[in-house]
Protein backbone atom coordinates (compact mmCIF):
# COMPACT_ATOMS: atom_id res chain seq x y z
CA UNK A 1 -98.42 -199.70 -157.17
CA UNK A 2 -100.72 -202.60 -156.34
CA UNK A 3 -102.47 -202.97 -152.97
CA UNK A 4 -104.15 -206.39 -152.86
CA UNK A 5 -106.34 -206.44 -155.95
CA UNK A 6 -106.32 -202.64 -156.11
CA UNK A 7 -103.93 -200.72 -158.36
CA UNK A 8 -103.24 -197.05 -158.97
CA UNK A 9 -104.90 -195.72 -162.11
CA UNK A 10 -103.18 -192.77 -163.76
CA UNK A 11 -105.37 -190.76 -166.13
CA UNK A 12 -105.09 -187.73 -168.40
CA UNK A 13 -107.75 -185.07 -167.77
CA UNK A 14 -108.46 -181.80 -169.53
CA UNK A 15 -107.48 -178.89 -167.26
CA UNK A 16 -109.88 -176.47 -168.97
CA UNK A 17 -111.45 -175.86 -172.36
CA UNK A 18 -108.79 -175.09 -174.98
CA UNK A 19 -109.59 -172.16 -177.32
CA UNK A 20 -106.21 -172.10 -179.08
CA UNK A 21 -103.42 -174.54 -179.97
CA UNK A 22 -103.27 -177.29 -177.28
CA UNK A 23 -100.31 -177.34 -174.89
CA UNK A 24 -99.10 -179.94 -172.42
CA UNK A 25 -100.15 -177.59 -169.61
CA UNK A 26 -103.77 -177.91 -170.79
CA UNK A 27 -103.75 -181.48 -169.43
CA UNK A 28 -103.62 -182.86 -165.91
CA UNK A 29 -102.00 -186.18 -164.99
CA UNK A 30 -104.11 -187.53 -162.13
CA UNK A 31 -102.35 -190.11 -159.96
CA UNK A 32 -104.55 -190.14 -156.86
CA UNK A 33 -107.09 -192.78 -157.91
CA UNK A 34 -107.06 -196.53 -157.30
CA UNK A 35 -109.17 -199.13 -159.05
CA UNK A 36 -110.14 -202.70 -158.17
CA UNK A 37 -109.19 -205.21 -160.84
CA UNK A 38 -112.70 -206.53 -161.31
CA UNK A 39 -115.97 -205.21 -162.67
CA UNK A 40 -117.92 -203.54 -159.83
CA UNK A 41 -121.11 -205.21 -158.64
CA UNK A 42 -124.08 -204.06 -160.70
CA UNK A 43 -121.96 -202.83 -163.63
CA UNK A 44 -122.52 -204.45 -167.03
CA UNK A 45 -119.42 -204.27 -169.17
CA UNK A 46 -115.66 -204.67 -169.14
CA UNK A 47 -112.61 -203.70 -167.16
CA UNK A 48 -109.66 -203.31 -169.53
CA UNK A 49 -105.98 -202.45 -169.27
CA UNK A 50 -105.10 -199.96 -171.99
CA UNK A 51 -102.04 -200.93 -174.03
CA UNK A 52 -101.97 -198.36 -176.87
CA UNK A 53 -103.75 -195.02 -177.29
CA UNK A 54 -104.25 -193.07 -180.50
CA UNK A 55 -104.04 -189.26 -180.65
CA UNK A 56 -106.39 -188.30 -183.51
CA UNK A 57 -107.23 -184.89 -185.03
CA UNK A 58 -110.95 -185.04 -184.13
CA UNK A 59 -109.97 -184.98 -180.45
CA UNK A 60 -108.86 -181.35 -180.83
CA UNK A 61 -112.43 -180.20 -181.45
CA UNK A 62 -113.62 -182.02 -178.32
CA UNK A 63 -111.30 -179.83 -176.22
CA UNK A 64 -113.50 -176.82 -177.03
CA UNK A 65 -116.79 -175.96 -175.37
CA UNK A 66 -119.58 -176.38 -177.89
CA UNK A 67 -122.31 -173.75 -177.93
CA UNK A 68 -124.61 -176.13 -179.80
CA UNK A 69 -125.16 -179.87 -180.10
CA UNK A 70 -122.40 -181.91 -181.72
CA UNK A 71 -122.22 -185.54 -182.80
CA UNK A 72 -119.40 -185.91 -180.24
CA UNK A 73 -119.58 -184.06 -176.90
CA UNK A 74 -116.82 -181.93 -175.43
CA UNK A 75 -114.40 -183.48 -172.98
CA UNK A 76 -115.29 -182.53 -169.40
CA UNK A 77 -112.54 -180.36 -167.86
CA UNK A 78 -111.46 -180.33 -164.21
CA UNK A 79 -113.27 -177.09 -163.17
CA UNK A 80 -116.64 -178.63 -164.07
CA UNK A 81 -116.17 -181.54 -161.61
CA UNK A 82 -115.34 -180.66 -158.01
CA UNK A 83 -115.08 -184.24 -156.72
CA UNK A 84 -111.59 -185.53 -157.64
CA UNK A 85 -112.90 -189.12 -157.65
CA UNK A 86 -115.28 -188.21 -160.48
CA UNK A 87 -112.67 -186.66 -162.78
CA UNK A 88 -113.14 -188.16 -166.23
CA UNK A 89 -110.22 -188.84 -168.59
CA UNK A 90 -110.25 -187.73 -172.18
CA UNK A 91 -111.24 -190.58 -174.49
CA UNK A 92 -110.08 -191.84 -177.86
CA UNK A 93 -109.29 -194.92 -179.88
CA UNK A 94 -107.04 -197.50 -178.31
CA UNK A 95 -106.03 -201.12 -177.90
CA UNK A 96 -106.70 -202.85 -174.59
CA UNK A 97 -106.66 -206.22 -172.83
CA UNK A 98 -109.74 -207.43 -170.96
CA UNK A 99 -109.05 -207.87 -167.24
CA UNK A 100 -112.61 -208.76 -166.21
CA UNK A 101 -115.99 -209.02 -167.94
CA UNK A 102 -119.66 -209.59 -167.17
CA UNK A 103 -120.44 -210.14 -170.86
CA UNK A 104 -120.41 -213.51 -172.62
CA UNK A 105 -118.84 -212.15 -175.81
CA UNK A 106 -115.73 -210.87 -174.00
CA UNK A 107 -113.47 -212.98 -171.79
CA UNK A 108 -110.49 -212.17 -169.58
CA UNK A 109 -107.38 -211.96 -171.74
CA UNK A 110 -109.22 -210.92 -174.92
CA UNK A 111 -107.62 -208.11 -176.90
CA UNK A 112 -109.94 -205.35 -178.14
CA UNK A 113 -109.77 -202.03 -179.94
CA UNK A 114 -112.17 -199.11 -179.95
CA UNK A 115 -113.08 -196.14 -177.76
CA UNK A 116 -111.43 -196.17 -174.34
CA UNK A 117 -110.11 -193.72 -171.75
CA UNK A 118 -106.70 -192.09 -171.61
CA UNK A 119 -105.88 -193.95 -168.41
CA UNK A 120 -104.21 -197.18 -167.36
CA UNK A 121 -107.46 -199.05 -166.68
CA UNK A 122 -110.96 -198.31 -168.01
CA UNK A 123 -114.46 -199.51 -167.21
CA UNK A 124 -116.36 -199.72 -170.50
CA UNK A 125 -120.12 -200.13 -170.82
CA UNK A 126 -120.46 -199.02 -174.47
CA UNK A 127 -119.18 -202.32 -175.88
CA UNK A 128 -120.77 -201.84 -179.35
CA UNK A 129 -117.80 -199.51 -179.95
CA UNK A 130 -115.32 -202.30 -179.17
CA UNK A 131 -114.01 -204.88 -181.64
CA UNK A 132 -112.34 -208.10 -180.55
CA UNK A 133 -108.88 -208.54 -182.09
CA UNK A 134 -108.64 -211.95 -183.72
CA UNK A 135 -105.42 -211.47 -185.72
CA UNK A 136 -102.38 -211.01 -183.49
CA UNK A 137 -99.66 -211.75 -186.07
CA UNK A 138 -99.14 -208.00 -186.56
CA UNK A 139 -98.08 -205.38 -183.98
CA UNK A 140 -101.05 -204.44 -181.80
CA UNK A 141 -100.28 -200.75 -182.35
CA UNK A 142 -101.45 -201.19 -185.98
CA UNK A 143 -105.01 -201.30 -184.62
CA UNK A 144 -104.70 -197.61 -183.76
CA UNK A 145 -103.56 -196.89 -187.34
CA UNK A 146 -103.94 -198.81 -190.58
CA UNK A 147 -106.10 -201.54 -189.00
CA UNK A 148 -108.09 -199.09 -186.88
CA UNK A 149 -110.13 -195.93 -187.41
CA UNK A 150 -107.65 -194.09 -189.70
CA UNK A 151 -107.22 -197.17 -191.90
CA UNK A 152 -110.95 -197.86 -192.15
CA UNK A 153 -111.65 -194.20 -192.96
CA UNK A 154 -109.00 -194.20 -195.69
CA UNK A 155 -110.01 -197.57 -197.17
CA UNK A 156 -113.76 -197.04 -197.37
CA UNK A 157 -113.46 -193.37 -198.29
CA UNK A 158 -111.15 -194.19 -201.19
CA UNK A 159 -112.35 -197.57 -202.45
CA UNK A 160 -116.08 -197.41 -201.65
CA UNK A 161 -117.05 -193.72 -201.83
CA UNK A 162 -114.56 -192.38 -204.39
CA UNK A 163 -114.23 -195.62 -206.40
CA UNK A 164 -111.41 -194.34 -208.66
CA UNK A 165 -110.06 -196.17 -211.69
CA UNK A 166 -106.50 -196.90 -212.74
CA UNK A 167 -104.90 -193.90 -214.44
CA UNK A 168 -107.20 -191.30 -212.87
CA UNK A 169 -105.88 -188.27 -211.00
CA UNK A 170 -106.31 -188.29 -207.21
CA UNK A 171 -105.79 -185.21 -205.03
CA UNK A 172 -105.23 -185.84 -201.32
CA UNK A 173 -105.65 -182.96 -198.88
CA UNK A 174 -103.67 -183.26 -195.61
CA UNK A 175 -101.61 -185.97 -197.29
CA UNK A 176 -99.21 -186.26 -194.34
CA UNK A 177 -101.99 -187.05 -191.87
CA UNK A 178 -103.03 -190.43 -190.49
CA UNK A 179 -105.76 -190.88 -193.13
CA UNK A 180 -104.23 -188.90 -196.00
CA UNK A 181 -100.96 -190.82 -196.12
CA UNK A 182 -102.89 -194.09 -196.44
CA UNK A 183 -105.17 -192.74 -199.18
CA UNK A 184 -102.09 -191.70 -201.14
CA UNK A 185 -100.64 -195.21 -200.90
CA UNK A 186 -103.94 -196.87 -201.83
CA UNK A 187 -104.16 -194.61 -204.89
CA UNK A 188 -100.60 -195.38 -205.98
CA UNK A 189 -101.21 -199.11 -205.59
CA UNK A 190 -104.25 -198.76 -207.86
CA UNK A 191 -102.17 -197.03 -210.51
CA UNK A 192 -103.58 -193.53 -210.08
CA UNK A 193 -101.62 -190.30 -210.49
CA UNK A 194 -101.49 -188.83 -206.99
CA UNK A 195 -101.06 -185.21 -205.89
CA UNK A 196 -101.03 -184.37 -202.19
CA UNK A 197 -100.96 -181.19 -200.12
CA UNK A 198 -99.75 -180.56 -196.58
CA UNK A 199 -99.68 -177.64 -194.17
CA UNK A 200 -95.92 -176.97 -194.21
CA UNK A 201 -92.71 -177.77 -196.05
CA UNK A 202 -91.58 -179.90 -193.11
CA UNK A 203 -94.54 -182.23 -193.66
CA UNK A 204 -93.62 -182.69 -197.32
CA UNK A 205 -89.92 -183.47 -196.93
């Protein structure tokens, strides 16, 4: 609900660190925050409206509490932040539309993809992790898949690092996953003989 230029901002927050298989009850849907539809004074960055969010496997590890340094930090759960206004959403890859910007390279109405919050609106300062979407003749959701992080991982991992040749055998682990299914298709298109594995019969059928 909008109040003037303020709107409610729903966000998904981690209830607590998750040691086992994640459940819906491990998350909290926070609905008690409002946000002004402009970049706050003194903030350098963007205000975006999130359109699509990607749920990726690496996010599972961020739900655990790390005992040592990691290249990606743990999500911050509710018990670690007592002020409700400071609750931080979990983050991941997504597609968003710029609502306001203090940066010359991004204008209102631009479409971007990259790291954003699991919330309706996000303030983003780390713009090096955002890419402006120039091609809009495909569904925007593709930028969370084949045109986003999973697609780039599959493409460069297969074509640049592996560099297979036509007729070679290619084994794909986790072939039903976001990256694995693309690697399998790239390999078939190249004329390779492809064998894939998955974690259950349901993923194979």
